[in-house]
């Protein structure tokens, strides 16, 4: 796996976690 693949995977996981957190915070 290249550095770019690792970077993209980390960014995607952060985005998914952020989206999940936003959904949970909605009333």
PDB file of N, CA and C in Angstrom:
ATOM      1  N   UNK A   1       0.857  -1.199   0.000  1.00  0.00           N
ATOM      2  CA  UNK A   1       0.000   0.000   0.000  1.00  0.00           C
ATOM      3  C   UNK A   1       0.888   1.243   0.000  1.00  0.00           C
ATOM      4  N   UNK A   2       0.568   2.195  -0.851  1.00  0.00           N
ATOM      5  CA  UNK A   2       1.406   3.396  -0.957  1.00  0.00           C
ATOM      6  C   UNK A   2       1.050   4.409   0.128  1.00  0.00           C
ATOM      7  N   UNK A   3       1.924   5.395   0.299  1.00  0.00           N
ATOM      8  CA  UNK A   3       1.655   6.439   1.294  1.00  0.00           C
ATOM      9  C   UNK A   3       0.339   7.146   0.966  1.00  0.00           C
ATOM     10  N   UNK A   4       0.085   7.349  -0.328  1.00  0.00           N
ATOM     11  CA  UNK A   4      -1.146   8.035  -0.731  1.00  0.00           C
ATOM     12  C   UNK A   4      -2.371   7.212  -0.335  1.00  0.00           C
ATOM     13  N   UNK A   5      -2.289   5.884  -0.539  1.00  0.00           N
ATOM     14  CA  UNK A   5      -3.416   5.024  -0.167  1.00  0.00           C
ATOM     15  C   UNK A   5      -3.682   5.119   1.329  1.00  0.00           C
ATOM     16  N   UNK A   6      -2.596   5.109   2.115  1.00  0.00           N
ATOM     17  CA  UNK A   6      -2.761   5.208   3.571  1.00  0.00           C
ATOM     18  C   UNK A   6      -3.370   6.558   3.943  1.00  0.00           C
ATOM     19  N   UNK A   7      -2.895   7.628   3.299  1.00  0.00           N
ATOM     20  CA  UNK A   7      -3.419   8.966   3.579  1.00  0.00           C
ATOM     21  C   UNK A   7      -4.906   9.034   3.226  1.00  0.00           C
ATOM     22  N   UNK A   8      -5.268   8.526   2.065  1.00  0.00           N
ATOM     23  CA  UNK A   8      -6.657   8.569   1.625  1.00  0.00           C
ATOM     24  C   UNK A   8      -7.541   7.766   2.578  1.00  0.00           C
ATOM     25  N   UNK A   9      -7.067   6.609   3.024  1.00  0.00           N
ATOM     26  CA  UNK A   9      -7.848   5.772   3.935  1.00  0.00           C
ATOM     27  C   UNK A   9      -8.057   6.499   5.262  1.00  0.00           C
ATOM     28  N   UNK A  10      -7.001   7.138   5.766  1.00  0.00           N
ATOM     29  CA  UNK A  10      -7.127   7.864   7.038  1.00  0.00           C
ATOM     30  C   UNK A  10      -8.115   9.014   6.891  1.00  0.00           C
ATOM     31  N   UNK A  11      -8.011   9.757   5.805  1.00  0.00           N
ATOM     32  CA  UNK A  11      -8.911  10.890   5.588  1.00  0.00           C
ATOM     33  C   UNK A  11     -10.355  10.405   5.478  1.00  0.00           C
ATOM     34  N   UNK A  12     -10.562   9.277   4.788  1.00  0.00           N
ATOM     35  CA  UNK A  12     -11.913   8.749   4.622  1.00  0.00           C
ATOM     36  C   UNK A  12     -12.496   8.340   5.967  1.00  0.00           C
ATOM     37  N   UNK A  13     -11.663   7.680   6.797  1.00  0.00           N
ATOM     38  CA  UNK A  13     -12.140   7.261   8.118  1.00  0.00           C
ATOM     39  C   UNK A  13     -12.516   8.479   8.960  1.00  0.00           C
ATOM     40  N   UNK A  14     -11.714   9.542   8.864  1.00  0.00           N
ATOM     41  CA  UNK A  14     -12.029  10.762   9.619  1.00  0.00           C
ATOM     42  C   UNK A  14     -13.352  11.348   9.129  1.00  0.00           C
ATOM     43  N   UNK A  15     -13.550  11.355   7.820  1.00  0.00           N
ATOM     44  CA  UNK A  15     -14.775  11.907   7.255  1.00  0.00           C
ATOM     45  C   UNK A  15     -15.985  11.098   7.718  1.00  0.00           C
ATOM     46  N   UNK A  16     -15.886   9.781   7.670  1.00  0.00           N
ATOM     47  CA  UNK A  16     -16.990   8.920   8.091  1.00  0.00           C
ATOM     48  C   UNK A  16     -17.288   9.128   9.574  1.00  0.00           C
ATOM     49  N   UNK A  17     -16.232   9.203  10.391  1.00  0.00           N
ATOM     50  CA  UNK A  17     -16.425   9.403  11.829  1.00  0.00           C
ATOM     51  C   UNK A  17     -17.098  10.750  12.077  1.00  0.00           C
ATOM     52  N   UNK A  18     -16.681  11.765  11.317  1.00  0.00           N
ATOM     53  CA  UNK A  18     -17.254  13.096  11.480  1.00  0.00           C
ATOM     54  C   UNK A  18     -18.725  13.079  11.082  1.00  0.00           C
ATOM     55  N   UNK A  19     -19.040  12.438   9.973  1.00  0.00           N
ATOM     56  CA  UNK A  19     -20.425  12.355   9.518  1.00  0.00           C
ATOM     57  C   UNK A  19     -21.280  11.626  10.547  1.00  0.00           C
ATOM     58  N   UNK A  20     -20.765  10.539  11.105  1.00  0.00           N
ATOM     59  CA  UNK A  20     -21.509   9.770  12.103  1.00  0.00           C
ATOM     60  C   UNK A  20     -21.763  10.634  13.334  1.00  0.00           C
ATOM     61  N   UNK A  21     -20.760  11.388  13.754  1.00  0.00           N
ATOM     62  CA  UNK A  21     -20.901  12.248  14.923  1.00  0.00           C
ATOM     63  C   UNK A  21     -21.953  13.315  14.679  1.00  0.00           C
ATOM     64  N   UNK A  22     -21.959  13.883  13.476  1.00  0.00           N
ATOM     65  CA  UNK A  22     -22.941  14.911  13.163  1.00  0.00           C
ATOM     66  C   UNK A  22     -24.348  14.323  13.189  1.00  0.00           C
ATOM     67  N   UNK A  23     -24.515  13.121  12.671  1.00  0.00           N
ATOM     68  CA  UNK A  23     -25.827  12.486  12.661  1.00  0.00           C
ATOM     69  C   UNK A  23     -26.319  12.267  14.086  1.00  0.00           C
ATOM     70  N   UNK A  24     -25.427  11.836  14.967  1.00  0.00           N
ATOM     71  CA  UNK A  24     -25.812  11.559  16.349  1.00  0.00           C
ATOM     72  C   UNK A  24     -26.171  12.847  17.083  1.00  0.00           C
ATOM     73  N   UNK A  25     -25.578  13.966  16.683  1.00  0.00           N
ATOM     74  CA  UNK A  25     -25.836  15.228  17.366  1.00  0.00           C
ATOM     75  C   UNK A  25     -27.138  15.882  16.901  1.00  0.00           C
ATOM     76  N   UNK A  26     -27.715  15.399  15.814  1.00  0.00           N
ATOM     77  CA  UNK A  26     -28.962  15.997  15.345  1.00  0.00           C
ATOM     78  C   UNK A  26     -30.092  15.675  16.318  1.00  0.00           C
ATOM     79  N   UNK A  27     -30.991  16.638  16.578  1.00  0.00           N
ATOM     80  CA  UNK A  27     -32.109  16.406  17.508  1.00  0.00           C
ATOM     81  C   UNK A  27     -33.141  15.458  16.912  1.00  0.00           C
TER      82      UNK A  27
END
